Amino acid sequence: MTPPTTNTRLHYCCILHSSSLHHRHTQVHMEAVLASVKNDLMNNDTAAAVEKIQRYSKEPNNIPLKIAITGESKSGKSTFVSALRGIKSIGDEDEGAAPTGVVETTSEVTEYLHPNYPNVTLWDLPGIGTTKFPADKYLELVGFEKFDFFIIISADRFRENDVKLAKEIQKMKKKFYFVRSKIDNNIRDEERKKDFSKEGTLRKIRDDSVQGLQKEGFESPQVFLVSSFDSHLYEFSKLQQTLERELPAHKRDALLRVMSNINQEIINKKKEAFQSRIKYYSTLSAAVAAVPVPGLSVNVDLSMMASVVTDYVTGFGLDKQSLEKLAASSGVSYNDLCAVIKSELAKEKITKEFFMKMFISVAGTAALMAAEKVSRRISIIVTAASMGLSFTTTYLTLSYFLNQLADDAQRVFNRALGVNISV
């Protein structure tokens, strides 16, 4: 195995350092929330404490992530924006799809919110080099500083304006990635030839793109070959994985939540991201359990866990809207996709009352709830036991439902690909 270069080692060190800083920041923030919640409870302000806990459970969905999609006109930017948002843009049938056309359809910097996570925004930027956005003033006019990274798209080869833009972004120490779009068109064109080879065609496109960029001074350009209409093909998945890997730690979860389940690895990473926060929710549960108010912990826990599990359903694409979109794009009916889902949590709106039924159905949790109520009434001496019980109950319950929904996401993914599944 070739030893990593200095730059590679430095890159990995930066990632590890970023993850460590993110963990420390999360821990410090968690302690501040705990202190504030305890203070509210000691002052009998239960409503304020509950509001803070619920707000904390929703915080991962509030981390802003701003992605800029740019390139020359008619390169497929708008279709790519819609693909990242999980919206079909053929003829703009879906409400909210970025408009497409044979002429330049983006004349202004246009913001699109992700339909499930509005904290993630994709910005369809006007084609570089147009009259209103000349190349030499492009970054200034579009407000480059607000974006987390840039994706530069070309439908055939990367041209002078693409190169100029990348070099300016590079000077400003922002991340950028080259995307060769409309690969499906290239494959169809080449299929007519007698000596057609899909692998050979893809290799030729990649080599041409990489070599062209290397001649312009980019030592190791990252180029991804994609089809915005068939995101499970080619390198859409590889692009998503690269973005997730290279983002700062606190931005990764935001990106993971909006990624389509186009392979097993993304489902696993989503599960890992959700799992990593369960200990914090459990710690909050334990803090509330320390306050000797009958019924308080149970009510707070149910509200918090219902909110968290709802996020699991949406994040795994098991909500009705996401399943309908998957049915439209995969050709597998909505009913067939729903048929492989086992968890009732993905089939009903998760109200506090509905979650209570699901909560009790988990083996042993009803007994744990009863024990928690009893232990809190005995005396202050058993407070530590009550806290431990509440932590364990919350941790095991959320983990159980997370595993269920992750398995459902895998079954839906397999069904969408036409894989036979034993329900």
Protein backbone atom coordinates (compact mmCIF):
# COMPACT_ATOMS: atom_id res chain seq x y z
CA MET A 1 0.00 0.00 0.00
CA THR A 2 1.30 3.43 -0.90
CA PRO A 3 1.94 5.52 2.22
CA PRO A 4 -0.22 8.66 2.51
CA THR A 5 1.28 11.94 1.41
CA THR A 6 1.84 14.82 3.80
CA ASN A 7 -1.24 16.58 2.41
CA THR A 8 -3.35 13.45 2.86
CA ARG A 9 -2.18 12.98 6.46
CA LEU A 10 -2.86 16.64 7.13
CA HIS A 11 -6.33 16.30 5.64
CA TYR A 12 -7.19 13.34 7.89
CA CYS A 13 -5.74 15.11 10.93
CA CYS A 14 -7.96 18.11 10.17
CA ILE A 15 -11.01 15.84 9.94
CA LEU A 16 -10.19 14.18 13.27
CA HIS A 17 -9.53 17.54 14.91
CA SER A 18 -12.79 18.89 13.54
CA SER A 19 -14.70 15.86 14.90
CA SER A 20 -13.04 16.27 18.30
CA LEU A 21 -13.91 19.96 18.45
CA HIS A 22 -17.48 19.20 17.39
CA HIS A 23 -17.83 16.57 20.14
CA ARG A 24 -16.44 18.95 22.75
CA HIS A 25 -18.73 21.75 21.58
CA THR A 26 -21.75 19.42 21.72
CA GLN A 27 -20.79 18.30 25.23
CA VAL A 28 -20.38 21.86 26.49
CA HIS A 29 -23.67 22.91 24.90
CA MET A 30 -25.39 19.88 26.41
CA GLU A 31 -24.14 20.80 29.88
CA ALA A 32 -25.44 24.35 29.42
CA VAL A 33 -28.87 23.05 28.39
CA LEU A 34 -28.92 20.69 31.38
CA ALA A 35 -28.05 23.49 33.77
CA SER A 36 -30.77 25.69 32.33
CA VAL A 37 -33.39 22.93 32.42
CA LYS A 38 -32.53 22.05 36.03
CA ASN A 39 -32.80 25.70 37.00
CA ASP A 40 -36.27 25.95 35.42
CA LEU A 41 -37.44 22.79 37.17
CA MET A 42 -36.09 23.94 40.55
CA ASN A 43 -38.12 27.13 40.07
CA ASN A 44 -41.24 25.10 39.19
CA ASP A 45 -41.20 26.45 35.61
CA THR A 46 -41.96 23.12 33.94
CA ALA A 47 -43.21 24.71 30.73
CA ALA A 48 -39.89 26.50 30.15
CA ALA A 49 -37.93 23.32 30.86
CA VAL A 50 -40.02 21.26 28.43
CA GLU A 51 -39.70 23.93 25.74
CA LYS A 52 -35.90 23.92 26.05
CA ILE A 53 -35.72 20.13 25.87
CA GLN A 54 -37.92 20.03 22.77
CA ARG A 55 -35.91 22.82 21.17
CA TYR A 56 -32.70 20.91 21.88
CA SER A 57 -34.08 17.75 20.24
CA LYS A 58 -34.72 19.77 17.06
CA GLU A 59 -31.34 21.53 16.98
CA PRO A 60 -29.68 19.15 14.49
CA ASN A 61 -32.31 20.23 11.96
CA ASN A 62 -31.39 23.89 12.38
CA ILE A 63 -27.71 23.76 11.39
CA PRO A 64 -27.46 25.85 8.20
CA LEU A 65 -25.88 24.32 5.10
CA LYS A 66 -25.65 26.41 1.92
CA ILE A 67 -24.65 24.72 -1.32
CA ALA A 68 -23.92 26.70 -4.48
CA ILE A 69 -24.52 25.11 -7.90
CA THR A 70 -22.84 27.00 -10.71
CA GLY A 71 -21.45 26.65 -14.21
CA GLU A 72 -22.12 27.89 -17.72
CA SER A 73 -25.69 28.25 -18.99
CA LYS A 74 -27.54 25.10 -20.15
CA SER A 75 -25.15 22.81 -18.24
CA GLY A 76 -27.93 21.16 -16.22
CA LYS A 77 -27.64 23.20 -13.01
CA SER A 78 -31.37 23.44 -12.34
CA THR A 79 -31.97 19.72 -12.88
CA PHE A 80 -29.07 18.92 -10.57
CA VAL A 81 -30.49 21.24 -7.87
CA SER A 82 -33.81 19.42 -8.06
CA ALA A 83 -32.07 16.03 -7.89
CA LEU A 84 -30.23 17.00 -4.70
CA ARG A 85 -33.53 18.12 -3.21
CA GLY A 86 -35.24 14.86 -4.16
CA ILE A 87 -37.56 16.66 -6.57
CA LYS A 88 -38.28 15.56 -10.12
CA SER A 89 -37.78 18.43 -12.56
CA ILE A 90 -38.76 16.90 -15.89
CA GLY A 91 -41.14 19.51 -17.18
CA ASP A 92 -41.16 20.96 -13.67
CA GLU A 93 -44.04 18.66 -12.61
CA ASP A 94 -43.17 18.81 -8.93
CA GLU A 95 -44.05 21.94 -7.06
CA GLY A 96 -40.85 23.72 -6.09
CA ALA A 97 -38.69 22.16 -8.80
CA ALA A 98 -36.02 24.43 -10.25
CA PRO A 99 -37.17 25.52 -13.74
CA THR A 100 -35.38 23.98 -16.69
CA GLY A 101 -35.29 24.72 -20.40
CA VAL A 102 -33.30 24.88 -23.60
CA VAL A 103 -32.35 28.49 -22.86
CA GLU A 104 -30.79 29.96 -19.73
CA THR A 105 -33.57 29.82 -17.13
CA THR A 106 -31.66 31.14 -14.09
CA SER A 107 -31.21 34.90 -14.38
CA GLU A 108 -30.85 35.62 -10.68
CA VAL A 109 -29.28 33.94 -7.64
CA THR A 110 -32.15 31.62 -6.67
CA GLU A 111 -32.49 29.92 -3.31
CA TYR A 112 -34.27 26.56 -2.95
CA LEU A 113 -35.11 25.10 0.45
CA HIS A 114 -34.97 21.37 0.96
CA PRO A 115 -38.62 20.23 1.29
CA ASN A 116 -38.03 18.37 4.59
CA TYR A 117 -35.09 20.33 6.04
CA PRO A 118 -35.31 24.06 5.29
CA ASN A 119 -31.99 24.63 7.05
CA VAL A 120 -30.35 23.09 3.97
CA THR A 121 -30.51 25.44 1.01
CA LEU A 122 -29.31 24.94 -2.54
CA TRP A 123 -28.54 28.01 -4.59
CA ASP A 124 -28.99 27.86 -8.33
CA LEU A 125 -26.53 30.48 -9.56
CA PRO A 126 -26.78 32.17 -12.98
CA GLY A 127 -24.44 30.88 -15.65
CA ILE A 128 -20.99 32.40 -15.33
CA GLY A 129 -20.07 34.67 -18.19
CA THR A 130 -23.61 35.88 -18.91
CA THR A 131 -24.22 39.60 -19.49
CA LYS A 132 -25.46 40.25 -15.96
CA PHE A 133 -22.80 38.04 -14.36
CA PRO A 134 -19.45 38.51 -16.13
CA ALA A 135 -16.70 36.08 -15.10
CA ASP A 136 -14.42 38.67 -13.49
CA LYS A 137 -17.14 39.86 -11.08
CA TYR A 138 -19.06 36.64 -10.69
CA LEU A 139 -18.14 35.65 -7.12
CA GLU A 140 -18.69 39.16 -5.82
CA LEU A 141 -22.11 39.44 -7.47
CA VAL A 142 -23.40 36.07 -6.23
CA GLY A 143 -22.10 36.58 -2.67
CA PHE A 144 -19.64 33.68 -2.53
CA GLU A 145 -18.84 34.13 1.18
CA LYS A 146 -22.18 32.73 2.36
CA PHE A 147 -21.75 29.32 0.70
CA ASP A 148 -20.25 26.26 2.38
CA PHE A 149 -19.01 24.84 -0.92
CA PHE A 150 -19.45 25.11 -4.70
CA ILE A 151 -20.36 22.52 -7.30
CA ILE A 152 -19.23 23.51 -10.81
CA ILE A 153 -21.27 21.76 -13.49
CA SER A 154 -20.55 21.19 -17.17
CA ALA A 155 -22.53 19.17 -19.70
CA ASP A 156 -19.55 18.40 -21.95
CA ARG A 157 -16.15 19.80 -20.97
CA PHE A 158 -15.00 22.36 -18.45
CA ARG A 159 -14.37 25.63 -20.21
CA GLU A 160 -12.39 28.79 -19.57
CA ASN A 161 -15.01 30.38 -17.34
CA ASP A 162 -15.33 27.21 -15.23
CA VAL A 163 -11.56 27.19 -14.72
CA LYS A 164 -11.47 30.89 -13.82
CA LEU A 165 -14.24 30.42 -11.32
CA ALA A 166 -12.58 27.39 -9.69
CA LYS A 167 -9.31 29.27 -9.32
CA GLU A 168 -11.04 32.22 -7.68
CA ILE A 169 -12.85 29.89 -5.27
CA GLN A 170 -9.54 28.18 -4.56
CA LYS A 171 -7.90 31.51 -3.69
CA MET A 172 -10.65 32.16 -1.18
CA LYS A 173 -10.06 28.73 0.41
CA LYS A 174 -13.53 27.40 -0.28
CA LYS A 175 -14.26 23.82 -1.32
CA PHE A 176 -15.37 23.13 -4.88
CA TYR A 177 -16.16 20.05 -6.94
CA PHE A 178 -16.41 19.47 -10.69
CA VAL A 179 -19.48 17.61 -11.96
CA ARG A 180 -19.94 16.32 -15.49
CA SER A 181 -23.69 16.22 -15.94
CA LYS A 182 -25.97 14.51 -18.48
CA ILE A 183 -23.86 11.36 -18.53
CA ASP A 184 -27.00 9.42 -19.49
CA ASN A 185 -27.08 11.40 -22.75
CA ASN A 186 -23.44 10.56 -23.44
CA ILE A 187 -24.09 6.86 -22.88
CA ARG A 188 -27.12 6.88 -25.23
CA ASP A 189 -25.11 8.64 -27.93
CA GLU A 190 -22.27 6.13 -27.69
CA GLU A 191 -24.54 3.06 -27.60
CA ARG A 192 -25.10 3.40 -31.35
CA LYS A 193 -21.47 2.59 -32.05
CA LYS A 194 -20.51 -1.02 -32.79
CA ASP A 195 -17.61 -1.11 -30.36
CA PHE A 196 -19.62 0.49 -27.52
CA SER A 197 -18.43 -0.15 -23.99
CA LYS A 198 -20.14 1.58 -21.09
CA GLU A 199 -17.07 1.32 -18.88
CA GLY A 200 -14.84 2.51 -21.70
CA THR A 201 -17.09 5.50 -22.41
CA LEU A 202 -17.12 6.55 -18.75
CA ARG A 203 -13.36 6.17 -18.52
CA LYS A 204 -12.87 8.28 -21.65
CA ILE A 205 -15.13 11.06 -20.30
CA ARG A 206 -13.34 11.03 -16.95
CA ASP A 207 -9.84 11.03 -18.46
CA ASP A 208 -10.75 13.86 -20.80
CA SER A 209 -12.15 15.98 -17.96
CA VAL A 210 -9.31 15.29 -15.51
CA GLN A 211 -6.54 15.81 -18.07
CA GLY A 212 -8.11 19.05 -19.27
CA LEU A 213 -8.25 20.41 -15.72
CA GLN A 214 -4.71 19.25 -14.97
CA LYS A 215 -3.48 21.26 -17.96
CA GLU A 216 -5.10 24.28 -16.31
CA GLY A 217 -3.09 23.79 -13.13
CA PHE A 218 -5.38 21.62 -10.97
CA GLU A 219 -3.13 18.90 -9.59
CA SER A 220 -5.78 16.36 -8.50
CA PRO A 221 -9.17 17.67 -9.63
CA GLN A 222 -12.22 15.93 -8.17
CA VAL A 223 -14.56 15.16 -11.07
CA PHE A 224 -17.85 13.29 -10.69
CA LEU A 225 -19.88 11.83 -13.56
CA VAL A 226 -23.61 12.04 -12.84
CA SER A 227 -27.08 11.79 -14.25
CA SER A 228 -29.55 13.98 -12.41
CA PHE A 229 -32.43 11.84 -13.68
CA ASP A 230 -30.89 8.51 -12.57
CA SER A 231 -29.09 9.39 -9.36
CA HIS A 232 -28.51 5.74 -8.40
CA LEU A 233 -26.34 5.34 -11.51
CA TYR A 234 -22.79 6.54 -12.14
CA GLU A 235 -21.17 8.73 -9.44
CA PHE A 236 -23.97 10.66 -7.76
CA SER A 237 -23.47 8.44 -4.71
CA LYS A 238 -19.70 8.97 -4.76
CA LEU A 239 -20.24 12.74 -4.88
CA GLN A 240 -22.56 12.65 -1.87
CA GLN A 241 -20.11 10.53 0.09
CA THR A 242 -17.24 12.88 -0.73
CA LEU A 243 -19.22 15.95 0.34
CA GLU A 244 -20.19 14.27 3.60
CA ARG A 245 -16.61 13.19 4.29
CA GLU A 246 -15.03 16.58 3.61
CA LEU A 247 -17.53 18.85 5.36
CA PRO A 248 -16.78 20.22 8.84
CA ALA A 249 -18.14 17.88 11.50
CA HIS A 250 -21.05 20.10 12.54
CA LYS A 251 -22.29 20.30 8.93
CA ARG A 252 -22.17 16.58 8.14
CA ASP A 253 -25.38 15.59 9.88
CA ALA A 254 -27.24 18.33 8.00
CA LEU A 255 -26.02 16.94 4.68
CA LEU A 256 -26.68 13.32 5.67
CA ARG A 257 -30.29 14.10 6.50
CA VAL A 258 -31.03 15.37 3.00
CA MET A 259 -29.16 12.64 1.12
CA SER A 260 -31.33 10.23 -0.84
CA ASN A 261 -31.03 6.58 0.16
CA ILE A 262 -29.28 5.58 -3.05
CA ASN A 263 -27.02 2.99 -1.41
CA GLN A 264 -26.57 1.00 1.80
CA GLU A 265 -23.67 3.14 3.01
CA ILE A 266 -25.78 6.30 3.19
CA ILE A 267 -28.45 4.48 5.21
CA ASN A 268 -25.77 3.22 7.60
CA LYS A 269 -24.23 6.68 8.00
CA LYS A 270 -27.62 8.22 8.72
CA LYS A 271 -28.16 5.58 11.36
CA GLU A 272 -24.75 6.30 12.92
CA ALA A 273 -25.49 10.04 12.99
CA PHE A 274 -28.85 9.49 14.69
CA GLN A 275 -27.32 6.99 17.12
CA SER A 276 -24.59 9.41 18.17
CA ARG A 277 -27.14 11.83 19.64
CA ILE A 278 -29.18 9.31 21.63
CA LYS A 279 -26.87 9.61 24.64
CA TYR A 280 -27.59 13.34 24.82
CA TYR A 281 -31.36 12.84 24.76
CA SER A 282 -30.97 10.16 27.42
CA THR A 283 -28.92 12.51 29.60
CA LEU A 284 -31.69 15.10 29.36
CA SER A 285 -34.19 12.45 30.36
CA ALA A 286 -32.07 11.58 33.38
CA ALA A 287 -31.85 15.24 34.39
CA VAL A 288 -35.63 15.56 34.37
CA ALA A 289 -35.97 12.32 36.34
CA ALA A 290 -33.91 13.89 39.14
CA VAL A 291 -36.78 16.29 39.88
CA PRO A 292 -39.28 14.60 42.25
CA VAL A 293 -42.47 15.63 40.40
CA PRO A 294 -44.81 12.67 39.69
CA GLY A 295 -45.43 12.16 35.97
CA LEU A 296 -43.05 14.90 34.86
CA SER A 297 -40.33 12.66 33.44
CA VAL A 298 -42.74 10.37 31.61
CA ASN A 299 -44.55 13.27 29.92
CA VAL A 300 -41.34 15.03 28.94
CA ASP A 301 -39.74 11.81 27.71
CA LEU A 302 -42.71 10.89 25.52
CA SER A 303 -42.83 14.32 23.90
CA MET A 304 -39.09 14.37 23.29
CA MET A 305 -38.88 10.82 21.96
CA ALA A 306 -41.89 11.31 19.67
CA SER A 307 -40.13 14.32 18.16
CA VAL A 308 -36.84 12.44 17.74
CA VAL A 309 -38.46 9.37 16.16
CA THR A 310 -40.40 11.59 13.75
CA ASP A 311 -37.02 12.89 12.62
CA TYR A 312 -35.87 9.29 12.08
CA VAL A 313 -38.86 8.61 9.82
CA THR A 314 -38.23 11.72 7.73
CA GLY A 315 -34.46 11.28 7.66
CA PHE A 316 -34.78 7.73 6.32
CA GLY A 317 -37.28 8.85 3.68
CA LEU A 318 -40.13 6.80 5.15
CA ASP A 319 -42.63 9.65 5.36
CA LYS A 320 -45.51 9.74 2.86
CA GLN A 321 -44.10 12.59 0.77
CA SER A 322 -40.69 10.93 0.38
CA LEU A 323 -42.19 7.55 -0.47
CA GLU A 324 -44.43 9.11 -3.11
CA LYS A 325 -41.42 10.77 -4.72
CA LEU A 326 -39.47 7.52 -4.64
CA ALA A 327 -42.41 5.72 -6.24
CA ALA A 328 -42.52 8.28 -9.04
CA SER A 329 -38.78 8.10 -9.73
CA SER A 330 -38.34 4.32 -9.35
CA GLY A 331 -41.49 3.11 -11.09
CA VAL A 332 -42.37 0.97 -8.07
CA SER A 333 -45.83 1.81 -6.75
CA TYR A 334 -46.32 3.64 -3.47
CA ASN A 335 -48.33 0.70 -2.10
CA ASP A 336 -45.56 -1.76 -3.00
CA LEU A 337 -42.99 0.38 -1.17
CA CYS A 338 -45.25 0.64 1.89
CA ALA A 339 -45.82 -3.12 1.87
CA VAL A 340 -42.22 -3.86 2.93
CA ILE A 341 -42.31 -1.44 5.87
CA LYS A 342 -42.75 -3.26 9.20
CA SER A 343 -42.71 -0.46 11.78
CA GLU A 344 -46.02 1.18 12.59
CA LEU A 345 -44.08 4.38 13.27
CA ALA A 346 -43.65 4.89 9.52
CA LYS A 347 -47.34 4.32 8.84
CA GLU A 348 -48.98 6.74 11.25
CA LYS A 349 -48.57 10.35 12.24
CA ILE A 350 -46.47 10.23 15.41
CA THR A 351 -48.53 12.01 18.03
CA LYS A 352 -47.70 11.79 21.72
CA GLU A 353 -50.65 9.43 22.23
CA PHE A 354 -49.66 7.15 19.34
CA PHE A 355 -46.07 7.07 20.51
CA MET A 356 -47.27 6.11 24.00
CA LYS A 357 -48.85 2.97 22.52
CA MET A 358 -45.70 2.14 20.59
CA PHE A 359 -43.59 2.85 23.65
CA ILE A 360 -45.56 0.41 25.79
CA SER A 361 -45.37 -2.23 23.06
CA VAL A 362 -41.59 -2.40 23.45
CA ALA A 363 -40.82 -5.31 25.73
CA GLY A 364 -40.20 -4.19 29.30
CA THR A 365 -40.69 -0.46 28.87
CA ALA A 366 -44.07 -0.37 30.62
CA ALA A 367 -42.48 -1.95 33.67
CA LEU A 368 -39.61 0.51 33.51
CA MET A 369 -42.04 3.44 33.40
CA ALA A 370 -43.90 2.14 36.43
CA ALA A 371 -40.67 1.54 38.31
CA GLU A 372 -39.53 5.06 37.50
CA LYS A 373 -42.69 6.58 38.97
CA VAL A 374 -42.44 4.47 42.12
CA SER A 375 -38.75 5.12 42.67
CA ARG A 376 -39.29 8.86 42.43
CA ARG A 377 -41.83 8.79 45.24
CA ILE A 378 -39.86 6.72 47.75
CA SER A 379 -37.28 9.26 48.84
CA ILE A 380 -34.52 11.56 47.65
CA ILE A 381 -32.04 8.75 48.32
CA VAL A 382 -33.14 6.86 45.20
CA THR A 383 -32.85 9.85 42.89
CA ALA A 384 -29.66 8.44 41.35
CA ALA A 385 -31.45 5.17 40.61
CA SER A 386 -34.35 7.06 39.06
CA MET A 387 -31.97 9.02 36.84
CA GLY A 388 -30.20 5.85 35.75
CA LEU A 389 -33.48 4.14 34.96
CA SER A 390 -34.71 7.09 32.93
CA PHE A 391 -31.43 7.29 31.00
CA THR A 392 -31.55 3.57 30.23
CA THR A 393 -35.23 3.61 29.22
CA THR A 394 -34.76 6.49 26.81
CA TYR A 395 -31.53 5.13 25.37
CA LEU A 396 -32.87 1.61 24.75
CA THR A 397 -36.22 2.83 23.40
CA LEU A 398 -34.73 5.26 20.88
CA SER A 399 -32.12 2.69 19.84
CA TYR A 400 -34.81 0.06 19.33
CA PHE A 401 -36.96 2.29 17.11
CA LEU A 402 -33.90 3.58 15.23
CA ASN A 403 -32.90 0.00 14.36
CA GLN A 404 -36.45 -0.76 13.22
CA LEU A 405 -36.65 2.26 10.93
CA ALA A 406 -33.15 1.77 9.52
CA ASP A 407 -34.13 -1.79 8.59
CA ASP A 408 -37.30 -0.46 6.96
CA ALA A 409 -35.25 2.05 4.98
CA GLN A 410 -33.09 -0.80 3.67
CA ARG A 411 -36.16 -2.83 2.68
CA VAL A 412 -37.66 0.13 0.84
CA PHE A 413 -34.34 0.78 -0.91
CA ASN A 414 -34.14 -2.85 -2.03
CA ARG A 415 -37.75 -2.85 -3.20
CA ALA A 416 -37.20 0.33 -5.23
CA LEU A 417 -34.32 -1.44 -6.99
CA GLY A 418 -36.49 -4.49 -7.68
CA VAL A 419 -34.78 -6.76 -5.15
CA ASN A 420 -37.01 -9.58 -3.89
CA ILE A 421 -37.72 -9.15 -0.18
CA SER A 422 -39.21 -11.55 2.32
CA VAL A 423 -41.55 -9.50 4.53
